[in-house]
Amino acid sequence: MKEDTVSRSEKVSFQGSTGELLSGVVDLPDGPIKGWGVFSHGFTLGKDSPSASRMCKALADNGVGMLRFDNLGLGESAGMWSEGSFSHKVADTVKAAEFMRDSGRPISLLVGHSFGGAAVLAAAQEIPEAARQLGIQVQIVEARTPDELEPAFSAAVRERAGAILANADPVWSNPPALLPQLVARTGLPAIYLVRAQVLAGGLMSYGPDFVELSRRAAGYVGLILKGAKPGDLAIEQPTKFDLVINLKTAKALGVTIPQSLQVQAELIE
């Protein structure tokens, strides 16, 4: 571990689940310390993303010190991002909690943004100090091919799952109607990362605008074709996340969407 304190933030590094060194920052309270926590962000975001920085600093201002860290292969962390997965994200969140515990800062709070939310729910079961407070159980079911999707949902139903949070893997996302149709057979509410799945009948989604991300990627291709060196180009991260809600699906499921949530939606079907 290497540390170096600057202002109210402390730079740290710890070994991730793959053995690579992950880079992090601990935002420190100025006054009395009420507790410690770990912030887990989306797969393509880093510790310095606006959402991670603002939220962790706000918690530190209120007495809760927070660790935020770069995912495998992102920002200042070692390794290859393409070799990571949801399971790695969960395991690295557990490693982050272990690092805080070993540093004399056992956590009492897990915060997740975007699909980091799913990661902290899954990781909490392996973090004793968090599991005691969460009071819910997360079941991870994986499907690597379209043929494995239906058995995965059958397993979730057998385990009496109360809801589904779907990852944005191409297996799950193409065509957009594939997953919502399978979920509809279970009768369970589900949240997705891709808005197209909500337009195809899913209940709701929360995530970045992937069409806009593709446009930005095309801009990078143009710069490279004009002679720019890829290593000289800045890595851009999503800063805007949209909530999309399908009220027709909610009605069919017998789910009431609070008005306070509806007013935050970018789009309501």
Protein backbone atom coordinates (compact mmCIF):
# COMPACT_ATOMS: atom_id res chain seq x y z
CA MET A 1 0.00 0.00 0.00
CA LYS A 2 1.18 3.52 -0.74
CA GLU A 3 -0.40 6.66 0.62
CA ASP A 4 0.06 10.34 0.25
CA THR A 5 -2.17 12.89 1.87
CA VAL A 6 -3.16 16.00 -0.03
CA SER A 7 -5.61 18.48 1.49
CA ARG A 8 -8.68 16.55 2.77
CA SER A 9 -8.18 13.66 0.39
CA GLU A 10 -5.80 10.76 0.86
CA LYS A 11 -4.47 8.88 -2.15
CA VAL A 12 -4.30 5.13 -1.57
CA SER A 13 -3.81 1.92 -3.51
CA PHE A 14 -4.74 -1.67 -2.72
CA GLN A 15 -4.62 -5.05 -4.40
CA GLY A 16 -7.76 -5.97 -6.32
CA SER A 17 -9.30 -9.38 -6.84
CA THR A 18 -7.14 -10.06 -9.92
CA GLY A 19 -3.91 -9.17 -8.12
CA GLU A 20 -3.58 -5.83 -9.93
CA LEU A 21 -3.07 -2.63 -7.94
CA LEU A 22 -6.19 -0.45 -7.82
CA SER A 23 -5.92 3.30 -7.26
CA GLY A 24 -8.23 5.08 -4.84
CA VAL A 25 -8.92 8.22 -2.86
CA VAL A 26 -10.26 8.46 0.69
CA ASP A 27 -12.20 11.67 1.33
CA LEU A 28 -11.58 12.60 4.96
CA PRO A 29 -13.95 14.42 7.33
CA ASP A 30 -12.62 17.67 8.78
CA GLY A 31 -14.41 17.23 12.08
CA PRO A 32 -15.61 14.31 14.19
CA ILE A 33 -15.73 11.01 12.29
CA LYS A 34 -19.16 9.34 12.28
CA GLY A 35 -18.09 6.38 10.17
CA TRP A 36 -16.44 5.10 6.99
CA GLY A 37 -17.79 3.87 3.69
CA VAL A 38 -16.96 2.66 0.16
CA PHE A 39 -18.34 4.18 -3.04
CA SER A 40 -18.80 1.89 -6.05
CA HIS A 41 -19.50 3.56 -9.40
CA GLY A 42 -20.52 2.31 -12.84
CA PHE A 43 -18.26 0.12 -14.96
CA THR A 44 -16.90 2.90 -17.19
CA LEU A 45 -16.54 5.58 -14.54
CA GLY A 46 -13.55 6.40 -12.36
CA LYS A 47 -12.88 7.70 -8.88
CA ASP A 48 -12.57 11.25 -10.23
CA SER A 49 -15.90 11.24 -12.08
CA PRO A 50 -18.16 14.14 -11.01
CA SER A 51 -20.77 11.87 -9.43
CA ALA A 52 -18.22 9.95 -7.33
CA SER A 53 -16.30 13.04 -6.27
CA ARG A 54 -19.33 15.16 -5.36
CA MET A 55 -21.12 12.44 -3.42
CA CYS A 56 -18.07 11.28 -1.46
CA LYS A 57 -16.99 14.82 -0.59
CA ALA A 58 -20.53 15.63 0.55
CA LEU A 59 -20.54 12.58 2.82
CA ALA A 60 -17.10 13.54 4.17
CA ASP A 61 -18.43 17.04 4.93
CA ASN A 62 -21.06 15.30 7.05
CA GLY A 63 -18.59 13.17 8.98
CA VAL A 64 -18.45 9.97 6.88
CA GLY A 65 -15.08 9.25 5.28
CA MET A 66 -15.41 7.56 1.87
CA LEU A 67 -13.13 5.45 -0.31
CA ARG A 68 -13.69 5.74 -4.09
CA PHE A 69 -11.49 3.80 -6.48
CA ASP A 70 -10.76 3.26 -10.17
CA ASN A 71 -12.01 0.01 -11.68
CA LEU A 72 -9.56 -2.46 -13.19
CA GLY A 73 -7.75 -0.81 -16.11
CA LEU A 74 -9.37 2.61 -15.65
CA GLY A 75 -7.81 5.85 -14.44
CA GLU A 76 -4.70 5.12 -12.40
CA SER A 77 -5.52 1.46 -11.72
CA ALA A 78 -3.43 -1.29 -13.31
CA GLY A 79 -4.74 -4.09 -15.52
CA MET A 80 -6.98 -4.26 -18.58
CA TRP A 81 -10.53 -2.92 -18.36
CA SER A 82 -11.64 -5.40 -21.04
CA GLU A 83 -10.74 -8.26 -18.69
CA GLY A 84 -13.12 -7.07 -15.99
CA SER A 85 -16.71 -8.19 -15.38
CA PHE A 86 -19.56 -7.67 -12.93
CA SER A 87 -18.13 -10.46 -10.76
CA HIS A 88 -14.78 -8.63 -10.68
CA LYS A 89 -16.55 -5.40 -9.72
CA VAL A 90 -18.23 -7.16 -6.81
CA ALA A 91 -14.98 -8.83 -5.71
CA ASP A 92 -13.06 -5.54 -5.93
CA THR A 93 -15.70 -3.81 -3.80
CA VAL A 94 -15.14 -6.51 -1.17
CA LYS A 95 -11.37 -5.91 -1.47
CA ALA A 96 -11.94 -2.17 -0.96
CA ALA A 97 -13.87 -2.87 2.24
CA GLU A 98 -11.11 -5.21 3.43
CA PHE A 99 -8.54 -2.49 2.74
CA MET A 100 -10.50 -0.01 4.85
CA ARG A 101 -10.86 -2.56 7.66
CA ASP A 102 -7.12 -3.33 7.62
CA SER A 103 -6.44 0.43 7.72
CA GLY A 104 -8.40 0.74 10.97
CA ARG A 105 -11.42 2.21 9.19
CA PRO A 106 -14.11 -0.53 9.14
CA ILE A 107 -16.98 0.59 6.96
CA SER A 108 -20.60 1.06 7.97
CA LEU A 109 -21.79 2.38 4.59
CA LEU A 110 -21.80 1.13 0.99
CA VAL A 111 -22.88 3.54 -1.75
CA GLY A 112 -23.42 2.52 -5.37
CA HIS A 113 -23.93 4.62 -8.49
CA SER A 114 -25.39 3.17 -11.70
CA PHE A 115 -24.41 -0.51 -11.82
CA GLY A 116 -22.14 0.06 -8.86
CA GLY A 117 -25.45 -0.12 -6.96
CA ALA A 118 -25.89 -3.75 -7.99
CA ALA A 119 -22.26 -4.43 -7.11
CA VAL A 120 -22.56 -3.12 -3.54
CA LEU A 121 -25.73 -5.14 -2.94
CA ALA A 122 -23.94 -8.30 -4.03
CA ALA A 123 -20.70 -7.41 -2.22
CA ALA A 124 -22.51 -6.64 1.05
CA GLN A 125 -23.10 -10.32 1.66
CA GLU A 126 -19.33 -10.82 1.86
CA ILE A 127 -18.68 -7.76 4.03
CA PRO A 128 -19.75 -8.66 7.60
CA GLU A 129 -20.06 -5.10 8.86
CA ALA A 130 -22.30 -4.17 5.89
CA ALA A 131 -24.33 -7.39 5.74
CA ARG A 132 -25.49 -6.86 9.32
CA GLN A 133 -27.12 -3.56 8.34
CA LEU A 134 -28.45 -4.31 4.85
CA GLY A 135 -30.98 -6.98 5.74
CA ILE A 136 -31.54 -8.21 2.17
CA GLN A 137 -30.13 -11.03 0.08
CA VAL A 138 -28.79 -10.70 -3.46
CA GLN A 139 -28.71 -13.64 -5.84
CA ILE A 140 -26.42 -13.42 -8.88
CA VAL A 141 -27.52 -15.42 -11.92
CA GLU A 142 -25.32 -15.37 -15.02
CA ALA A 143 -26.11 -16.06 -18.66
CA ARG A 144 -23.36 -16.11 -21.28
CA THR A 145 -25.53 -17.08 -24.24
CA PRO A 146 -29.18 -16.36 -25.14
CA ASP A 147 -30.01 -20.02 -24.42
CA GLU A 148 -28.92 -19.54 -20.81
CA LEU A 149 -31.26 -16.61 -20.15
CA GLU A 150 -34.44 -18.57 -19.48
CA PRO A 151 -32.77 -21.06 -17.07
CA ALA A 152 -31.22 -18.09 -15.26
CA PHE A 153 -34.61 -16.50 -14.67
CA SER A 154 -36.10 -19.83 -13.65
CA ALA A 155 -33.36 -20.08 -11.02
CA ALA A 156 -34.20 -16.58 -9.75
CA VAL A 157 -37.87 -17.49 -9.44
CA ARG A 158 -37.04 -20.72 -7.59
CA GLU A 159 -35.00 -18.69 -5.11
CA ARG A 160 -38.02 -16.39 -4.65
CA ALA A 161 -36.37 -13.26 -6.00
CA GLY A 162 -38.38 -10.11 -5.39
CA ALA A 163 -37.00 -8.08 -8.31
CA ILE A 164 -34.42 -8.22 -11.10
CA LEU A 165 -31.56 -5.87 -11.93
CA ALA A 166 -30.27 -6.65 -15.44
CA ASN A 167 -26.73 -6.02 -16.57
CA ALA A 168 -26.10 -4.30 -19.92
CA ASP A 169 -24.27 -7.20 -21.55
CA PRO A 170 -24.92 -7.62 -25.31
CA VAL A 171 -26.34 -11.07 -24.51
CA TRP A 172 -29.03 -9.38 -22.45
CA SER A 173 -29.57 -6.32 -24.65
CA ASN A 174 -30.01 -7.53 -28.23
CA PRO A 175 -32.66 -7.49 -29.48
CA PRO A 176 -34.04 -5.03 -26.89
CA ALA A 177 -37.34 -6.94 -26.49
CA LEU A 178 -35.64 -10.26 -25.65
CA LEU A 179 -35.03 -9.64 -21.96
CA PRO A 180 -38.29 -7.78 -21.15
CA GLN A 181 -40.28 -10.62 -22.72
CA LEU A 182 -38.48 -13.22 -20.58
CA VAL A 183 -38.83 -11.08 -17.46
CA ALA A 184 -42.57 -10.64 -18.11
CA ARG A 185 -43.02 -14.40 -17.73
CA THR A 186 -41.65 -14.23 -14.19
CA GLY A 187 -44.06 -11.49 -13.09
CA LEU A 188 -41.16 -9.69 -11.37
CA PRO A 189 -40.32 -5.97 -11.64
CA ALA A 190 -36.95 -5.28 -13.28
CA ILE A 191 -34.65 -2.33 -13.87
CA TYR A 192 -32.33 -2.14 -16.88
CA LEU A 193 -29.37 0.00 -17.94
CA VAL A 194 -30.55 0.45 -21.56
CA ARG A 195 -33.59 2.62 -22.30
CA ALA A 196 -34.43 0.63 -25.45
CA GLN A 197 -35.43 -2.28 -23.21
CA VAL A 198 -37.99 -0.08 -21.45
CA LEU A 199 -39.36 1.10 -24.79
CA ALA A 200 -39.68 -2.62 -25.64
CA GLY A 201 -41.78 -3.32 -22.54
CA GLY A 202 -39.39 -3.26 -19.57
CA LEU A 203 -40.40 -1.49 -16.35
CA MET A 204 -37.62 1.09 -15.99
CA SER A 205 -34.01 1.87 -16.81
CA TYR A 206 -31.31 4.10 -15.36
CA GLY A 207 -28.10 4.62 -17.27
CA PRO A 208 -26.15 6.74 -19.75
CA ASP A 209 -27.34 7.61 -23.25
CA PHE A 210 -25.57 4.91 -25.26
CA VAL A 211 -26.44 6.56 -28.58
CA GLU A 212 -24.63 9.70 -27.47
CA LEU A 213 -21.68 7.62 -26.23
CA SER A 214 -21.45 6.01 -29.67
CA ARG A 215 -21.40 9.45 -31.30
CA ARG A 216 -18.57 10.49 -28.99
CA ALA A 217 -16.68 7.31 -29.83
CA ALA A 218 -17.08 8.08 -33.54
CA GLY A 219 -15.53 11.48 -32.89
CA TYR A 220 -12.49 9.75 -31.39
CA VAL A 221 -12.19 7.55 -34.47
CA GLY A 222 -12.23 10.67 -36.64
CA LEU A 223 -9.43 12.26 -34.62
CA ILE A 224 -7.31 9.11 -34.85
CA LEU A 225 -7.84 8.87 -38.62
CA LYS A 226 -6.64 12.47 -38.86
CA GLY A 227 -3.39 11.51 -37.15
CA ALA A 228 -4.02 11.93 -33.43
CA LYS A 229 -2.26 9.45 -31.18
CA PRO A 230 -4.76 7.38 -29.15
CA GLY A 231 -2.57 7.68 -26.07
CA ASP A 232 -2.77 11.48 -26.25
CA LEU A 233 -6.57 11.59 -26.23
CA ALA A 234 -8.38 12.21 -22.97
CA ILE A 235 -10.61 9.44 -21.61
CA GLU A 236 -14.16 10.75 -21.42
CA GLN A 237 -16.73 9.34 -19.03
CA PRO A 238 -20.53 9.65 -18.96
CA THR A 239 -21.75 12.52 -16.82
CA LYS A 240 -25.49 12.32 -17.55
CA PHE A 241 -27.71 9.39 -16.58
CA ASP A 242 -31.36 9.12 -17.59
CA LEU A 243 -34.28 7.51 -15.79
CA VAL A 244 -36.92 6.00 -18.12
CA ILE A 245 -40.19 4.55 -16.79
CA ASN A 246 -42.86 2.47 -18.53
CA LEU A 247 -46.14 3.11 -16.68
CA LYS A 248 -48.02 0.57 -18.82
CA THR A 249 -45.71 -2.16 -17.60
CA ALA A 250 -45.98 -0.89 -14.03
CA LYS A 251 -49.76 -1.14 -14.22
CA ALA A 252 -49.57 -4.68 -15.64
CA LEU A 253 -47.29 -5.71 -12.76
CA GLY A 254 -49.42 -3.97 -10.14
CA VAL A 255 -46.49 -1.71 -9.23
CA THR A 256 -47.13 1.88 -8.15
CA ILE A 257 -44.44 4.34 -9.25
CA PRO A 258 -44.30 7.25 -6.74
CA GLN A 259 -44.91 10.68 -8.23
CA SER A 260 -41.64 11.82 -6.65
CA LEU A 261 -39.83 9.31 -8.88
CA GLN A 262 -41.85 10.09 -11.99
CA VAL A 263 -40.90 13.77 -11.91
CA GLN A 264 -37.22 12.76 -12.12
CA ALA A 265 -37.70 10.68 -15.27
CA GLU A 266 -36.26 11.77 -18.57
CA LEU A 267 -38.98 9.84 -20.38
CA ILE A 268 -42.24 8.17 -19.35
CA GLU A 269 -43.90 5.61 -21.61
